[in-house]
Amino acid sequence: MKIWFNRWFTTVSHYIEMIRDNPDNRKFTIYGTSPNKDALYLQYCDKAFTEPELSGDEYIAFCLEFCETHGIDIFIPRKENVLISKRLADFEKIGVKVLVCPDAELMEKMDNKALAYRTVMEKAEEEGPIFSIPEHYVVNTLAEFKSACERLIEKGHKVCFKPVIGEGANGFRVIKDEIDSIKQLFHHGTSFRLPYRYACEILGQQETFPDLMVLEYLEGREYSIDCLATPDRLIAAIPRMKGDGRIRELVDHQELIQLAHRFHLKFKLPYIFNIQLKYNNGIPKLLEINPRMSGGMHISCLSGINMPYLAIKILLGEKIEAVSPRFGIRASHLEKEMILKVDWYQAP
């Protein structure tokens, strides 16, 4: 069986290894593509290819052609996964199963942080609350940004902002009142904290800018919940607490596990999804929902649950037995050198 990963983040290499090291001893041939021939996850693939710098419908055309040319059975996309969800019928016509939420409208909403908040709040009005939502504003002009900051500060909040569409911490900044000290400059490196006036100078470079979410900064501990599900049943929810530095801990946090169950009961996201929350004054507040495998999910799989492989089994309509994750595991990682294979990738 052939599986294709298109442009992904580097930690997908862990998921490739877990799929190969499956408990059923199933054999897979892993295909990988990226515009960057030195993308490290390509080194873990059986067959690696460069892919063109395309987007939108042109990229979908490339994906369909790649699947047909190479006889792909299962496609696990990251790039353009929302658009791919909208075009699932085209992949089904050529016999390709795609590991992506089949509800394209829901997928699009969850991929946009502002729309995700609005969707969760609308569902709360209809059926009761699931998550607490941070106070926030969506802005795209400097005047709106200044107004949003002023309103939040008047209510006693620290202020942060981030793009409504993005991954990881890209674009995330916390507004601070003071400039860096010499000690910070010499010893702390580049910070995600930014003086208010600097933020205004940057955002004022254009009359309008892409939608930005300005919101209350949450001071407490951050958790990431990796979830495995069928449309009808949440099979596993594994809270991963972000400790100091690179430390992560898998915790049997029943409040968060129940939140994940309530979310799935109302939204029915299948396969794998991720919920990120942060505590503030004892209240867990939603950061974002990722309708895909998260970058840190390999840490959650230390619980003994092979989430990538089980998601494939769900996609194939196979039965999944009950799972019992192990909690209390603390983990981190070291950088590791890697000698790259030379000129082994191919053009698509």
Protein backbone atom coordinates (compact mmCIF):
# COMPACT_ATOMS: atom_id res chain seq x y z
CA MET A 1 0.00 0.00 0.00
CA LYS A 2 1.36 3.40 -1.00
CA ILE A 3 1.05 6.45 1.27
CA TRP A 4 1.91 9.99 0.19
CA PHE A 5 2.83 12.90 2.46
CA ASN A 6 2.93 16.20 0.57
CA ARG A 7 4.60 19.30 2.01
CA TRP A 8 4.69 18.80 5.79
CA PHE A 9 6.62 20.05 8.80
CA THR A 10 9.75 18.16 9.82
CA THR A 11 8.23 16.21 12.73
CA VAL A 12 6.13 14.23 10.25
CA SER A 13 9.23 12.01 10.07
CA HIS A 14 8.12 10.57 13.44
CA TYR A 15 4.69 9.71 12.01
CA ILE A 16 6.27 8.02 9.01
CA GLU A 17 8.31 5.82 11.34
CA MET A 18 5.26 4.98 13.48
CA ILE A 19 3.25 3.95 10.43
CA ARG A 20 6.07 1.65 9.36
CA ASP A 21 6.47 0.24 12.89
CA ASN A 22 2.82 -0.77 13.17
CA PRO A 23 1.63 -3.65 15.39
CA ASP A 24 0.02 -5.47 12.45
CA ASN A 25 3.37 -5.70 10.58
CA ARG A 26 1.65 -4.12 7.61
CA LYS A 27 3.92 -3.06 4.77
CA PHE A 28 3.72 0.43 3.35
CA THR A 29 5.69 2.32 0.73
CA ILE A 30 6.05 5.94 1.84
CA TYR A 31 6.17 8.73 -0.75
CA GLY A 32 7.13 12.28 0.19
CA THR A 33 7.25 15.57 -1.69
CA SER A 34 8.48 19.07 -0.96
CA PRO A 35 9.71 22.07 -2.96
CA ASN A 36 12.79 21.89 -0.72
CA LYS A 37 14.94 18.94 -1.76
CA ASP A 38 16.66 19.07 1.64
CA ALA A 39 13.42 18.82 3.68
CA LEU A 40 14.47 16.33 6.35
CA TYR A 41 11.33 14.23 6.34
CA LEU A 42 12.11 13.25 2.73
CA GLN A 43 15.07 11.31 4.11
CA TYR A 44 12.59 9.00 5.88
CA CYS A 45 10.57 8.26 2.75
CA ASP A 46 11.01 5.28 0.44
CA LYS A 47 10.53 7.55 -2.55
CA ALA A 48 11.12 11.31 -2.47
CA PHE A 49 10.25 13.94 -5.04
CA THR A 50 10.44 17.68 -5.42
CA GLU A 51 7.09 19.35 -5.92
CA PRO A 52 6.35 22.59 -7.78
CA GLU A 53 5.61 25.90 -6.05
CA LEU A 54 1.89 25.95 -6.77
CA SER A 55 -1.25 26.76 -4.82
CA GLY A 56 -5.01 26.61 -5.19
CA ASP A 57 -6.57 24.62 -8.02
CA GLU A 58 -3.22 24.33 -9.81
CA TYR A 59 -1.84 22.52 -6.76
CA ILE A 60 -4.86 20.20 -6.63
CA ALA A 61 -4.28 19.32 -10.29
CA PHE A 62 -0.68 18.43 -9.40
CA CYS A 63 -1.87 16.27 -6.48
CA LEU A 64 -4.34 14.35 -8.61
CA GLU A 65 -1.74 13.76 -11.32
CA PHE A 66 0.84 12.65 -8.73
CA CYS A 67 -1.60 10.17 -7.21
CA GLU A 68 -2.48 8.68 -10.59
CA THR A 69 1.12 8.55 -11.83
CA HIS A 70 2.41 6.78 -8.74
CA GLY A 71 -0.62 4.66 -7.85
CA ILE A 72 -1.09 6.29 -4.43
CA ASP A 73 -3.59 4.53 -2.15
CA ILE A 74 -3.62 6.93 0.81
CA PHE A 75 -2.90 10.67 0.72
CA ILE A 76 -2.04 12.45 4.01
CA PRO A 77 -1.95 16.16 3.13
CA ARG A 78 -0.92 19.23 5.05
CA LYS A 79 -0.44 21.84 2.31
CA GLU A 80 -3.82 22.96 0.94
CA ASN A 81 -5.64 20.50 3.20
CA VAL A 82 -8.74 22.74 3.34
CA LEU A 83 -9.01 22.90 -0.45
CA ILE A 84 -8.27 19.18 -0.69
CA SER A 85 -11.20 18.55 1.68
CA LYS A 86 -13.42 20.47 -0.75
CA ARG A 87 -12.17 18.31 -3.64
CA LEU A 88 -12.39 14.87 -1.99
CA ALA A 89 -14.72 13.57 -4.69
CA ASP A 90 -11.98 14.07 -7.30
CA PHE A 91 -9.60 11.88 -5.29
CA GLU A 92 -12.26 9.26 -4.63
CA LYS A 93 -12.87 8.97 -8.39
CA ILE A 94 -9.30 7.77 -8.90
CA GLY A 95 -9.40 5.42 -5.89
CA VAL A 96 -7.39 7.52 -3.43
CA LYS A 97 -8.39 7.73 0.23
CA VAL A 98 -7.47 11.05 1.85
CA LEU A 99 -6.79 11.47 5.57
CA VAL A 100 -8.54 14.81 5.97
CA CYS A 101 -11.81 15.92 7.57
CA PRO A 102 -14.52 15.31 4.93
CA ASP A 103 -16.63 18.21 6.22
CA ALA A 104 -14.99 20.94 4.12
CA GLU A 105 -17.02 23.76 5.67
CA LEU A 106 -16.04 22.72 9.20
CA MET A 107 -12.44 22.21 8.09
CA GLU A 108 -12.30 25.77 6.73
CA LYS A 109 -13.75 27.21 9.94
CA MET A 110 -11.35 25.33 12.21
CA ASP A 111 -8.36 26.36 10.09
CA ASN A 112 -9.14 30.04 10.75
CA LYS A 113 -8.70 30.98 14.42
CA ALA A 114 -11.28 33.77 14.33
CA LEU A 115 -13.86 31.62 12.54
CA ALA A 116 -13.14 28.76 14.94
CA TYR A 117 -13.89 31.02 17.92
CA ARG A 118 -17.09 32.26 16.28
CA THR A 119 -18.19 28.71 15.42
CA VAL A 120 -17.58 27.50 18.97
CA MET A 121 -19.48 30.48 20.41
CA GLU A 122 -22.42 29.95 18.02
CA LYS A 123 -22.57 26.28 18.99
CA ALA A 124 -22.54 27.32 22.66
CA GLU A 125 -25.56 29.56 22.10
CA GLU A 126 -27.45 26.64 20.53
CA GLU A 127 -26.37 23.71 22.67
CA GLY A 128 -24.45 25.03 25.67
CA PRO A 129 -20.81 26.06 26.14
CA ILE A 130 -17.81 23.84 25.47
CA PHE A 131 -14.81 26.13 25.95
CA SER A 132 -14.19 29.52 27.48
CA ILE A 133 -13.02 31.88 24.75
CA PRO A 134 -10.39 34.59 25.36
CA GLU A 135 -11.62 38.12 24.87
CA HIS A 136 -10.47 39.12 21.40
CA TYR A 137 -10.89 41.39 18.39
CA VAL A 138 -10.13 40.81 14.70
CA VAL A 139 -8.46 43.79 13.04
CA ASN A 140 -6.84 44.68 9.73
CA THR A 141 -5.94 48.37 10.12
CA LEU A 142 -3.67 50.22 12.51
CA ALA A 143 -6.60 52.21 13.93
CA GLU A 144 -8.48 49.00 14.71
CA PHE A 145 -5.35 47.50 16.27
CA LYS A 146 -4.89 50.50 18.57
CA SER A 147 -8.56 50.47 19.55
CA ALA A 148 -8.47 46.74 20.35
CA CYS A 149 -5.36 47.13 22.49
CA GLU A 150 -6.90 50.04 24.40
CA ARG A 151 -10.10 48.10 25.14
CA LEU A 152 -8.23 45.06 26.43
CA ILE A 153 -5.86 47.15 28.56
CA GLU A 154 -8.80 49.05 30.06
CA LYS A 155 -10.18 45.70 31.24
CA GLY A 156 -6.89 44.85 32.93
CA HIS A 157 -5.57 42.40 30.34
CA LYS A 158 -2.10 41.98 28.98
CA VAL A 159 -2.33 42.04 25.19
CA CYS A 160 -1.05 39.67 22.53
CA PHE A 161 -1.74 39.21 18.84
CA LYS A 162 -1.39 36.59 16.11
CA PRO A 163 -2.53 35.99 12.50
CA VAL A 164 -5.95 34.37 12.21
CA ILE A 165 -4.44 31.78 9.85
CA GLY A 166 -1.07 30.31 10.74
CA GLU A 167 0.76 27.39 12.34
CA GLY A 168 2.66 27.09 15.57
CA ALA A 169 3.82 30.40 17.02
CA ASN A 170 4.34 32.10 13.66
CA GLY A 171 3.43 35.77 14.02
CA PHE A 172 2.58 35.53 17.73
CA ARG A 173 3.69 38.52 19.83
CA VAL A 174 2.98 39.82 23.31
CA ILE A 175 2.78 43.58 23.79
CA LYS A 176 5.16 44.85 26.45
CA ASP A 177 5.52 48.35 27.85
CA GLU A 178 9.29 48.51 28.19
CA ILE A 179 12.13 48.10 25.70
CA ASP A 180 14.75 45.38 26.17
CA SER A 181 17.41 45.96 28.78
CA ILE A 182 21.09 45.38 28.08
CA LYS A 183 20.86 42.18 30.13
CA GLN A 184 18.00 40.90 27.97
CA LEU A 185 19.83 41.84 24.79
CA PHE A 186 23.01 40.00 25.84
CA HIS A 187 21.52 36.94 27.49
CA HIS A 188 17.95 36.27 26.37
CA GLY A 189 18.14 36.33 22.58
CA THR A 190 15.21 37.28 20.38
CA SER A 191 11.95 37.57 22.29
CA PHE A 192 8.33 37.14 21.25
CA ARG A 193 7.58 40.27 23.31
CA LEU A 194 7.29 43.50 21.32
CA PRO A 195 6.92 47.12 22.50
CA TYR A 196 3.57 48.65 21.57
CA ARG A 197 5.11 51.46 19.56
CA TYR A 198 7.20 49.02 17.51
CA ALA A 199 4.07 46.99 16.71
CA CYS A 200 2.31 50.16 15.58
CA GLU A 201 5.26 51.19 13.40
CA ILE A 202 5.29 47.78 11.70
CA LEU A 203 1.52 47.53 11.20
CA GLY A 204 1.36 51.14 10.03
CA GLN A 205 3.52 50.33 7.00
CA GLN A 206 0.35 49.41 5.08
CA GLU A 207 -3.14 50.88 4.98
CA THR A 208 -4.54 47.39 5.61
CA PHE A 209 -2.93 44.08 6.52
CA PRO A 210 -4.11 40.44 6.73
CA ASP A 211 -6.59 39.78 9.54
CA LEU A 212 -4.92 39.82 12.92
CA MET A 213 -6.41 38.59 16.16
CA VAL A 214 -5.75 40.87 19.15
CA LEU A 215 -6.58 39.13 22.42
CA GLU A 216 -6.01 38.85 26.14
CA TYR A 217 -2.71 37.19 27.00
CA LEU A 218 -3.22 34.05 29.09
CA GLU A 219 -0.65 33.68 31.85
CA GLY A 220 -1.19 30.07 32.92
CA ARG A 221 0.02 26.65 31.85
CA GLU A 222 -0.54 25.63 28.23
CA TYR A 223 -1.91 22.24 27.16
CA SER A 224 -2.19 20.56 23.78
CA ILE A 225 -4.73 17.72 23.49
CA ASP A 226 -4.11 15.23 20.68
CA CYS A 227 -7.29 13.38 19.77
CA LEU A 228 -8.05 10.22 17.78
CA ALA A 229 -11.63 9.68 16.67
CA THR A 230 -14.15 8.16 14.33
CA PRO A 231 -17.07 10.40 13.38
CA ASP A 232 -19.10 8.69 16.11
CA ARG A 233 -16.60 8.07 18.89
CA LEU A 234 -13.63 9.80 20.49
CA ILE A 235 -11.18 6.95 20.95
CA ALA A 236 -8.40 8.80 22.78
CA ALA A 237 -7.69 12.29 24.09
CA ILE A 238 -4.15 12.82 25.39
CA PRO A 239 -3.41 16.11 27.18
CA ARG A 240 0.19 17.18 26.72
CA MET A 241 1.34 19.82 29.20
CA LYS A 242 3.97 22.25 27.99
CA GLY A 243 6.56 22.62 30.74
CA ASP A 244 9.60 24.83 30.94
CA GLY A 245 11.83 24.86 27.87
CA ARG A 246 11.41 21.66 25.88
CA ILE A 247 9.81 19.61 28.66
CA ARG A 248 6.44 18.01 27.88
CA GLU A 249 4.35 15.83 30.17
CA LEU A 250 1.42 13.54 29.36
CA VAL A 251 -1.16 14.15 32.07
CA ASP A 252 -4.37 12.37 33.08
CA HIS A 253 -6.19 15.71 33.25
CA GLN A 254 -9.87 14.78 33.40
CA GLU A 255 -11.20 18.31 32.94
CA LEU A 256 -9.36 18.61 29.62
CA ILE A 257 -10.24 15.07 28.52
CA GLN A 258 -13.92 15.79 29.14
CA LEU A 259 -13.64 19.05 27.18
CA ALA A 260 -12.28 17.06 24.24
CA HIS A 261 -15.19 14.60 24.49
CA ARG A 262 -17.72 17.44 24.57
CA PHE A 263 -16.10 19.09 21.56
CA HIS A 264 -16.15 15.87 19.54
CA LEU A 265 -19.74 15.14 20.53
CA LYS A 266 -20.81 18.47 19.01
CA PHE A 267 -18.48 18.71 15.99
CA LYS A 268 -17.72 15.08 15.02
CA LEU A 269 -14.18 15.75 13.68
CA PRO A 270 -12.77 12.39 12.50
CA TYR A 271 -9.30 10.83 12.38
CA ILE A 272 -6.84 13.11 14.22
CA PHE A 273 -7.28 16.61 15.56
CA ASN A 274 -5.65 18.81 18.16
CA ILE A 275 -7.04 21.25 20.72
CA GLN A 276 -4.78 23.85 22.34
CA LEU A 277 -5.81 25.57 25.56
CA LYS A 278 -4.21 27.75 28.17
CA TYR A 279 -5.26 28.38 31.75
CA ASN A 280 -5.96 31.83 33.12
CA ASN A 281 -7.09 32.25 36.75
CA GLY A 282 -7.96 28.57 36.90
CA ILE A 283 -10.08 28.61 33.71
CA PRO A 284 -8.98 26.71 30.57
CA LYS A 285 -9.45 28.98 27.55
CA LEU A 286 -9.29 27.92 23.92
CA LEU A 287 -6.25 28.93 21.87
CA GLU A 288 -6.95 27.06 18.65
CA ILE A 289 -8.21 23.85 17.06
CA ASN A 290 -6.07 22.07 14.46
CA PRO A 291 -8.10 19.67 12.27
CA ARG A 292 -4.96 17.61 11.52
CA MET A 293 -1.96 15.97 13.18
CA SER A 294 -0.13 18.48 15.36
CA GLY A 295 3.60 19.08 15.21
CA GLY A 296 4.11 17.63 18.69
CA MET A 297 1.82 14.61 18.43
CA HIS A 298 4.77 12.20 18.48
CA ILE A 299 5.18 13.09 22.16
CA SER A 300 1.56 12.10 22.83
CA CYS A 301 2.24 8.78 21.09
CA LEU A 302 4.69 7.95 23.89
CA SER A 303 1.45 7.06 25.71
CA GLY A 304 1.56 3.79 23.78
CA ILE A 305 -1.02 4.80 21.18
CA ASN A 306 0.14 4.76 17.57
CA MET A 307 -2.16 7.57 16.46
CA PRO A 308 -0.99 7.89 12.82
CA TYR A 309 -1.45 4.20 12.12
CA LEU A 310 -4.79 3.96 13.93
CA ALA A 311 -6.03 6.97 11.95
CA ILE A 312 -5.19 5.06 8.75
CA LYS A 313 -7.18 2.09 10.03
CA ILE A 314 -10.16 4.37 10.69
CA LEU A 315 -9.81 5.82 7.17
CA LEU A 316 -9.86 2.29 5.75
CA GLY A 317 -13.00 1.44 7.73
CA GLU A 318 -11.25 -1.08 9.98
CA LYS A 319 -12.25 -1.80 13.55
CA ILE A 320 -10.33 -0.06 16.33
CA GLU A 321 -10.05 -1.74 19.70
CA ALA A 322 -10.28 0.20 22.96
CA VAL A 323 -7.04 1.93 23.92
CA SER A 324 -5.61 2.83 27.34
CA PRO A 325 -2.98 5.58 27.16
CA ARG A 326 -0.19 5.75 29.72
CA PHE A 327 0.08 9.10 31.48
CA GLY A 328 2.71 10.58 33.76
CA ILE A 329 5.38 10.46 31.04
CA ARG A 330 7.76 13.43 30.94
CA ALA A 331 9.74 13.88 27.75
CA SER A 332 12.07 16.18 25.89
CA HIS A 333 14.43 15.87 22.93
CA LEU A 334 17.99 16.50 21.83
CA GLU A 335 19.17 17.85 18.51
CA LYS A 336 20.70 15.09 16.39
CA GLU A 337 23.05 15.37 13.45
CA MET A 338 21.92 13.79 10.19
CA ILE A 339 24.00 12.99 7.12
CA LEU A 340 21.82 13.66 4.09
CA LYS A 341 21.51 11.33 1.15
CA VAL A 342 22.79 13.08 -1.97
CA ASP A 343 20.73 13.59 -5.15
CA TRP A 344 18.30 10.83 -4.34
CA TYR A 345 15.08 12.80 -4.83
CA GLN A 346 13.30 12.89 -8.18
CA ALA A 347 11.21 15.32 -10.13
CA PRO A 348 7.52 14.46 -9.97
